[in-house]
PDB file of N, CA and C in Angstrom:
ATOM      1  N   MET A   1     -17.274  15.421   5.555  1.00  0.00           N
ATOM      2  CA  MET A   1     -16.640  16.394   4.734  1.00  0.00           C
ATOM      3  C   MET A   1     -17.885  17.451   4.197  1.00  0.00           C
ATOM      4  N   MET A   2     -17.819  18.496   4.925  1.00  0.00           N
ATOM      5  CA  MET A   2     -19.291  19.827   4.789  1.00  0.00           C
ATOM      6  C   MET A   2     -18.935  20.486   4.058  1.00  0.00           C
ATOM      7  N   ARG A   3     -19.008  21.188   2.835  1.00  0.00           N
ATOM      8  CA  ARG A   3     -18.760  21.946   1.962  1.00  0.00           C
ATOM      9  C   ARG A   3     -19.899  23.542   2.491  1.00  0.00           C
ATOM     10  N   ILE A   4     -18.930  24.090   2.223  1.00  0.00           N
ATOM     11  CA  ILE A   4     -19.587  26.131   2.930  1.00  0.00           C
ATOM     12  C   ILE A   4     -19.299  26.015   1.950  1.00  0.00           C
ATOM     13  N   ASN A   5     -19.826  27.599   1.599  1.00  0.00           N
ATOM     14  CA  ASN A   5     -19.868  28.827   0.893  1.00  0.00           C
ATOM     15  C   ASN A   5     -19.250  29.869   2.412  1.00  0.00           C
ATOM     16  N   MET A   6     -18.637  30.360   1.162  1.00  0.00           N
ATOM     17  CA  MET A   6     -17.997  32.209   2.164  1.00  0.00           C
ATOM     18  C   MET A   6     -18.903  32.762   3.155  1.00  0.00           C
ATOM     19  N   SER A   7     -19.370  32.738   2.507  1.00  0.00           N
ATOM     20  CA  SER A   7     -21.261  33.940   3.193  1.00  0.00           C
ATOM     21  C   SER A   7     -21.457  32.837   4.036  1.00  0.00           C
ATOM     22  N   GLN A   8     -22.009  31.736   4.004  1.00  0.00           N
ATOM     23  CA  GLN A   8     -21.969  31.257   5.463  1.00  0.00           C
ATOM     24  C   GLN A   8     -20.767  30.938   6.694  1.00  0.00           C
ATOM     25  N   VAL A   9     -19.995  31.149   5.922  1.00  0.00           N
ATOM     26  CA  VAL A   9     -19.688  31.131   7.433  1.00  0.00           C
ATOM     27  C   VAL A   9     -18.815  32.191   7.544  1.00  0.00           C
ATOM     28  N   LYS A  10     -19.305  33.242   6.941  1.00  0.00           N
ATOM     29  CA  LYS A  10     -19.284  34.458   7.779  1.00  0.00           C
ATOM     30  C   LYS A  10     -20.187  34.785   9.111  1.00  0.00           C
ATOM     31  N   ILE A  11     -21.435  34.151   8.405  1.00  0.00           N
ATOM     32  CA  ILE A  11     -22.379  34.447   8.942  1.00  0.00           C
ATOM     33  C   ILE A  11     -22.719  33.790  10.378  1.00  0.00           C
ATOM     34  N   HIS A  12     -21.952  32.068  10.347  1.00  0.00           N
ATOM     35  CA  HIS A  12     -22.239  30.505  11.760  1.00  0.00           C
ATOM     36  C   HIS A  12     -20.574  30.540  11.570  1.00  0.00           C
ATOM     37  N   LEU A  13     -19.760  31.363  11.695  1.00  0.00           N
ATOM     38  CA  LEU A  13     -18.555  30.447  11.746  1.00  0.00           C
ATOM     39  C   LEU A  13     -18.336  30.438  13.268  1.00  0.00           C
ATOM     40  N   SER A  14     -19.274  30.264  14.450  1.00  0.00           N
ATOM     41  CA  SER A  14     -19.270  29.273  15.897  1.00  0.00           C
ATOM     42  C   SER A  14     -19.715  28.099  15.392  1.00  0.00           C
ATOM     43  N   ARG A  15     -20.554  28.211  14.799  1.00  0.00           N
ATOM     44  CA  ARG A  15     -21.102  26.724  14.579  1.00  0.00           C
ATOM     45  C   ARG A  15     -20.302  25.891  14.020  1.00  0.00           C
ATOM     46  N   TYR A  16     -19.669  26.714  12.612  1.00  0.00           N
ATOM     47  CA  TYR A  16     -19.138  25.533  12.211  1.00  0.00           C
ATOM     48  C   TYR A  16     -17.759  25.365  12.915  1.00  0.00           C
ATOM     49  N   LEU A  17     -16.916  25.658  13.728  1.00  0.00           N
ATOM     50  CA  LEU A  17     -15.982  26.076  14.567  1.00  0.00           C
ATOM     51  C   LEU A  17     -16.279  24.889  15.623  1.00  0.00           C
ATOM     52  N   ALA A  18     -17.713  24.809  16.313  1.00  0.00           N
ATOM     53  CA  ALA A  18     -17.823  23.494  16.998  1.00  0.00           C
ATOM     54  C   ALA A  18     -17.564  22.218  16.445  1.00  0.00           C
ATOM     55  N   ASN A  19     -18.334  22.275  15.303  1.00  0.00           N
ATOM     56  CA  ASN A  19     -17.811  21.068  14.345  1.00  0.00           C
ATOM     57  C   ASN A  19     -16.424  20.359  14.051  1.00  0.00           C
ATOM     58  N   LEU A  20     -15.613  21.144  13.807  1.00  0.00           N
ATOM     59  CA  LEU A  20     -13.832  21.294  13.511  1.00  0.00           C
ATOM     60  C   LEU A  20     -13.348  20.200  14.860  1.00  0.00           C
ATOM     61  N   ALA A  21     -13.925  21.140  16.062  1.00  0.00           N
ATOM     62  CA  ALA A  21     -13.323  20.525  17.375  1.00  0.00           C
ATOM     63  C   ALA A  21     -13.633  19.148  17.384  1.00  0.00           C
ATOM     64  N   GLU A  22     -15.243  19.015  17.546  1.00  0.00           N
ATOM     65  CA  GLU A  22     -15.772  17.283  16.820  1.00  0.00           C
ATOM     66  C   GLU A  22     -14.864  16.322  16.302  1.00  0.00           C
ATOM     67  N   GLY A  23     -14.071  16.762  15.045  1.00  0.00           N
ATOM     68  CA  GLY A  23     -13.543  15.872  13.919  1.00  0.00           C
ATOM     69  C   GLY A  23     -14.126  16.324  12.993  1.00  0.00           C
ATOM     70  N   GLU A  24     -14.811  17.645  12.581  1.00  0.00           N
ATOM     71  CA  GLU A  24     -15.553  17.186  10.977  1.00  0.00           C
ATOM     72  C   GLU A  24     -14.491  18.003  10.016  1.00  0.00           C
ATOM     73  N   THR A  25     -14.371  18.079   8.902  1.00  0.00           N
ATOM     74  CA  THR A  25     -13.299  18.758   7.990  1.00  0.00           C
ATOM     75  C   THR A  25     -14.347  19.637   7.621  1.00  0.00           C
ATOM     76  N   ILE A  26     -13.841  20.988   6.631  1.00  0.00           N
ATOM     77  CA  ILE A  26     -14.774  21.554   5.942  1.00  0.00           C
ATOM     78  C   ILE A  26     -14.296  22.301   4.678  1.00  0.00           C
ATOM     79  N   LEU A  27     -14.696  21.934   3.798  1.00  0.00           N
ATOM     80  CA  LEU A  27     -14.198  22.337   2.119  1.00  0.00           C
ATOM     81  C   LEU A  27     -14.752  24.046   1.998  1.00  0.00           C
ATOM     82  N   LEU A  28     -14.177  24.676   1.924  1.00  0.00           N
ATOM     83  CA  LEU A  28     -14.225  26.231   1.990  1.00  0.00           C
ATOM     84  C   LEU A  28     -14.532  26.448   0.444  1.00  0.00           C
ATOM     85  N   CYS A  29     -16.164  27.458   0.218  1.00  0.00           N
ATOM     86  CA  CYS A  29     -16.054  26.992  -1.369  1.00  0.00           C
ATOM     87  C   CYS A  29     -16.509  28.675  -1.607  1.00  0.00           C
ATOM     88  N   LYS A  30     -16.207  29.382  -2.642  1.00  0.00           N
ATOM     89  CA  LYS A  30     -15.910  30.657  -3.323  1.00  0.00           C
ATOM     90  C   LYS A  30     -17.210  30.759  -4.216  1.00  0.00           C
ATOM     91  N   ARG A  31     -18.605  30.439  -4.633  1.00  0.00           N
ATOM     92  CA  ARG A  31     -19.443  30.576  -5.061  1.00  0.00           C
ATOM     93  C   ARG A  31     -19.382  28.699  -5.954  1.00  0.00           C
ATOM     94  N   ASN A  32     -19.468  28.095  -4.750  1.00  0.00           N
ATOM     95  CA  ASN A  32     -19.096  27.173  -5.197  1.00  0.00           C
ATOM     96  C   ASN A  32     -18.427  26.186  -5.633  1.00  0.00           C
ATOM     97  N   VAL A  33     -16.986  27.163  -5.582  1.00  0.00           N
ATOM     98  CA  VAL A  33     -15.634  26.846  -6.109  1.00  0.00           C
ATOM     99  C   VAL A  33     -15.115  26.573  -5.294  1.00  0.00           C
ATOM    100  N   PRO A  34     -14.534  24.661  -4.942  1.00  0.00           N
ATOM    101  CA  PRO A  34     -13.895  24.316  -3.640  1.00  0.00           C
ATOM    102  C   PRO A  34     -12.743  25.316  -3.448  1.00  0.00           C
ATOM    103  N   ILE A  35     -12.026  26.269  -2.816  1.00  0.00           N
ATOM    104  CA  ILE A  35     -10.889  26.942  -2.665  1.00  0.00           C
ATOM    105  C   ILE A  35      -9.681  26.552  -1.290  1.00  0.00           C
ATOM    106  N   ALA A  36     -10.778  26.375  -0.438  1.00  0.00           N
ATOM    107  CA  ALA A  36      -9.873  25.603   0.577  1.00  0.00           C
ATOM    108  C   ALA A  36     -10.567  24.543   1.431  1.00  0.00           C
ATOM    109  N   GLU A  37      -9.224  23.746   2.593  1.00  0.00           N
ATOM    110  CA  GLU A  37     -10.191  22.239   2.991  1.00  0.00           C
ATOM    111  C   GLU A  37      -9.634  23.579   4.487  1.00  0.00           C
ATOM    112  N   ILE A  38     -10.470  23.206   5.982  1.00  0.00           N
ATOM    113  CA  ILE A  38     -10.118  23.219   7.337  1.00  0.00           C
ATOM    114  C   ILE A  38     -10.565  22.067   8.226  1.00  0.00           C
ATOM    115  N   ARG A  39      -9.272  22.131   8.368  1.00  0.00           N
ATOM    116  CA  ARG A  39      -9.529  21.160   9.409  1.00  0.00           C
ATOM    117  C   ARG A  39      -8.947  20.708  10.640  1.00  0.00           C
ATOM    118  N   ARG A  40      -9.227  20.539  11.877  1.00  0.00           N
ATOM    119  CA  ARG A  40      -8.768  20.395  13.394  1.00  0.00           C
ATOM    120  C   ARG A  40      -7.476  20.137  13.133  1.00  0.00           C
ATOM    121  N   LEU A  41      -6.328  20.874  13.505  1.00  0.00           N
ATOM    122  CA  LEU A  41      -5.521  20.770  14.424  1.00  0.00           C
ATOM    123  C   LEU A  41      -5.441  19.167  15.271  1.00  0.00           C
ATOM    124  N   PRO A  42      -3.485  18.835  15.460  1.00  0.00           N
ATOM    125  CA  PRO A  42      -3.733  17.600  16.553  1.00  0.00           C
ATOM    126  C   PRO A  42      -3.952  18.503  17.516  1.00  0.00           C
ATOM    127  N   CYS A  43      -4.013  17.089  18.439  1.00  0.00           N
ATOM    128  CA  CYS A  43      -3.968  17.557  19.744  1.00  0.00           C
ATOM    129  C   CYS A  43      -2.323  17.193  20.477  1.00  0.00           C
ATOM    130  N   LYS A  44      -1.966  17.952  21.344  1.00  0.00           N
ATOM    131  CA  LYS A  44      -1.051  17.650  22.014  1.00  0.00           C
ATOM    132  C   LYS A  44      -0.807  16.688  22.604  1.00  0.00           C
ATOM    133  N   ARG A  45       0.251  16.069  22.847  1.00  0.00           N
ATOM    134  CA  ARG A  45       0.291  14.816  23.816  1.00  0.00           C
ATOM    135  C   ARG A  45       0.087  15.113  25.176  1.00  0.00           C
ATOM    136  N   LYS A  46      -0.692  14.354  26.105  1.00  0.00           N
ATOM    137  CA  LYS A  46      -1.022  15.326  27.347  1.00  0.00           C
ATOM    138  C   LYS A  46       0.585  14.186  27.991  1.00  0.00           C
ATOM    139  N   THR A  47       1.168  12.890  27.639  1.00  0.00           N
ATOM    140  CA  THR A  47       1.794  12.294  28.630  1.00  0.00           C
ATOM    141  C   THR A  47       3.323  12.280  27.550  1.00  0.00           C
ATOM    142  N   ALA A  48       4.751  11.976  28.542  1.00  0.00           N
ATOM    143  CA  ALA A  48       5.558  12.009  28.451  1.00  0.00           C
ATOM    144  C   ALA A  48       5.764  11.146  27.480  1.00  0.00           C
ATOM    145  N   ARG A  49       6.491  10.934  25.866  1.00  0.00           N
ATOM    146  CA  ARG A  49       6.231   9.546  25.272  1.00  0.00           C
ATOM    147  C   ARG A  49       7.848   9.021  25.902  1.00  0.00           C
ATOM    148  N   PRO A  50       7.629   7.721  25.713  1.00  0.00           N
ATOM    149  CA  PRO A  50       7.865   6.902  26.740  1.00  0.00           C
ATOM    150  C   PRO A  50      10.145   6.360  25.865  1.00  0.00           C
ATOM    151  N   ILE A  51      10.616   6.580  26.693  1.00  0.00           N
ATOM    152  CA  ILE A  51      12.078   6.757  25.731  1.00  0.00           C
ATOM    153  C   ILE A  51      12.011   5.456  26.139  1.00  0.00           C
ATOM    154  N   GLY A  52      12.963   4.300  24.462  1.00  0.00           N
ATOM    155  CA  GLY A  52      13.051   3.503  24.527  1.00  0.00           C
ATOM    156  C   GLY A  52      12.259   2.668  23.551  1.00  0.00           C
ATOM    157  N   LEU A  53      11.452   3.081  22.807  1.00  0.00           N
ATOM    158  CA  LEU A  53      10.361   2.296  22.487  1.00  0.00           C
ATOM    159  C   LEU A  53      10.888   1.203  20.955  1.00  0.00           C
ATOM    160  N   ALA A  54      12.712   1.941  20.797  1.00  0.00           N
ATOM    161  CA  ALA A  54      12.492   0.761  19.484  1.00  0.00           C
ATOM    162  C   ALA A  54      14.268   0.427  19.638  1.00  0.00           C
ATOM    163  N   LYS A  55      13.945   0.083  21.381  1.00  0.00           N
ATOM    164  CA  LYS A  55      15.383  -0.123  21.589  1.00  0.00           C
ATOM    165  C   LYS A  55      15.297  -2.092  21.488  1.00  0.00           C
ATOM    166  N   GLY A  56      16.286  -2.653  20.812  1.00  0.00           N
ATOM    167  CA  GLY A  56      16.909  -3.688  20.248  1.00  0.00           C
ATOM    168  C   GLY A  56      16.660  -4.085  19.079  1.00  0.00           C
ATOM    169  N   THR A  57      15.900  -2.611  18.056  1.00  0.00           N
ATOM    170  CA  THR A  57      15.281  -3.155  16.761  1.00  0.00           C
ATOM    171  C   THR A  57      16.475  -2.462  15.918  1.00  0.00           C
ATOM    172  N   LEU A  58      17.274  -1.965  16.311  1.00  0.00           N
ATOM    173  CA  LEU A  58      18.620  -1.086  15.031  1.00  0.00           C
ATOM    174  C   LEU A  58      19.919  -1.713  16.068  1.00  0.00           C
ATOM    175  N   GLU A  59      21.159  -1.871  15.534  1.00  0.00           N
ATOM    176  CA  GLU A  59      22.320  -2.800  15.554  1.00  0.00           C
ATOM    177  C   GLU A  59      23.196  -2.005  14.777  1.00  0.00           C
ATOM    178  N   ILE A  60      24.225  -1.146  15.538  1.00  0.00           N
ATOM    179  CA  ILE A  60      25.707  -0.612  14.946  1.00  0.00           C
ATOM    180  C   ILE A  60      27.070  -1.598  14.998  1.00  0.00           C
ATOM    181  N   PRO A  61      27.142  -1.314  13.659  1.00  0.00           N
ATOM    182  CA  PRO A  61      28.501  -2.488  13.713  1.00  0.00           C
ATOM    183  C   PRO A  61      29.488  -1.447  14.204  1.00  0.00           C
ATOM    184  N   GLU A  62      30.438  -2.508  15.046  1.00  0.00           N
ATOM    185  CA  GLU A  62      31.962  -1.841  14.798  1.00  0.00           C
ATOM    186  C   GLU A  62      33.038  -0.699  14.517  1.00  0.00           C
ATOM    187  N   SER A  63      32.354  -1.192  13.067  1.00  0.00           N
ATOM    188  CA  SER A  63      33.152  -0.341  11.813  1.00  0.00           C
ATOM    189  C   SER A  63      32.610   1.000  11.875  1.00  0.00           C
ATOM    190  N   PHE A  64      31.038   1.199  12.684  1.00  0.00           N
ATOM    191  CA  PHE A  64      30.801   2.406  12.434  1.00  0.00           C
ATOM    192  C   PHE A  64      31.987   3.523  13.321  1.00  0.00           C
ATOM    193  N   PHE A  65      32.700   3.104  14.419  1.00  0.00           N
ATOM    194  CA  PHE A  65      32.569   4.185  14.965  1.00  0.00           C
ATOM    195  C   PHE A  65      34.338   4.146  14.906  1.00  0.00           C
ATOM    196  N   GLU A  66      35.381   3.799  13.645  1.00  0.00           N
ATOM    197  CA  GLU A  66      36.435   3.720  12.931  1.00  0.00           C
ATOM    198  C   GLU A  66      36.719   5.324  12.538  1.00  0.00           C
ATOM    199  N   PRO A  67      37.685   5.744  12.020  1.00  0.00           N
ATOM    200  CA  PRO A  67      38.059   6.840  11.916  1.00  0.00           C
ATOM    201  C   PRO A  67      37.797   6.631  10.065  1.00  0.00           C
ATOM    202  N   LEU A  68      37.552   7.456   9.372  1.00  0.00           N
ATOM    203  CA  LEU A  68      36.699   7.536   7.912  1.00  0.00           C
ATOM    204  C   LEU A  68      38.462   7.731   7.054  1.00  0.00           C
ATOM    205  N   PRO A  69      38.298   7.101   5.888  1.00  0.00           N
ATOM    206  CA  PRO A  69      39.878   7.274   5.529  1.00  0.00           C
ATOM    207  C   PRO A  69      39.699   7.833   4.823  1.00  0.00           C
ATOM    208  N   ASP A  70      41.306   8.766   3.932  1.00  0.00           N
ATOM    209  CA  ASP A  70      41.341  10.324   4.395  1.00  0.00           C
ATOM    210  C   ASP A  70      40.859  10.522   2.895  1.00  0.00           C
ATOM    211  N   ASP A  71      40.705   9.968   2.003  1.00  0.00           N
ATOM    212  CA  ASP A  71      39.916  10.399   0.989  1.00  0.00           C
ATOM    213  C   ASP A  71      38.398  10.947   1.348  1.00  0.00           C
ATOM    214  N   ILE A  72      37.624  10.313   2.454  1.00  0.00           N
ATOM    215  CA  ILE A  72      36.760  10.935   2.471  1.00  0.00           C
ATOM    216  C   ILE A  72      36.155  12.200   3.303  1.00  0.00           C
ATOM    217  N   SER A  73      37.521  12.272   4.508  1.00  0.00           N
ATOM    218  CA  SER A  73      37.236  12.612   5.603  1.00  0.00           C
ATOM    219  C   SER A  73      38.230  14.436   5.144  1.00  0.00           C
ATOM    220  N   ALA A  74      38.936  14.434   3.586  1.00  0.00           N
ATOM    221  CA  ALA A  74      39.491  15.296   3.891  1.00  0.00           C
ATOM    222  C   ALA A  74      38.850  16.472   3.411  1.00  0.00           C
ATOM    223  N   PRO A  75      37.705  16.549   2.116  1.00  0.00           N
ATOM    224  CA  PRO A  75      36.848  17.439   2.198  1.00  0.00           C
ATOM    225  C   PRO A  75      36.227  18.362   3.826  1.00  0.00           C
ATOM    226  N   PHE A  76      36.092  17.244   4.895  1.00  0.00           N
ATOM    227  CA  PHE A  76      35.877  18.052   5.342  1.00  0.00           C
ATOM    228  C   PHE A  76      36.677  18.553   6.926  1.00  0.00           C
ATOM    229  N   GLY A  77      38.111  17.984   5.931  1.00  0.00           N
ATOM    230  CA  GLY A  77      39.137  19.497   7.132  1.00  0.00           C
ATOM    231  C   GLY A  77      39.517  18.410   7.941  1.00  0.00           C
ATOM    232  N   GLY A  78      39.149  17.143   8.199  1.00  0.00           N
ATOM    233  CA  GLY A  78      39.839  16.297   9.101  1.00  0.00           C
ATOM    234  C   GLY A  78      40.640  15.356   8.655  1.00  0.00           C
TER     235      GLY A  78
END
């Protein structure tokens, strides 16, 4: 993590942006007092996320599909 004062960022912003692109984190300071942390945003996925990653890990009981009791469904207009 780099500690940089505002005055240095104003002068060398492009250099620090290159460091951010490489994964470096910058602690932005004003008169040596930390005021913000700047870090790289996560990259977007280049491939589609595969479907079915959790297949077989969730089991829904048959009772899930049964109608709700009247005292529970009444507030919902059902």
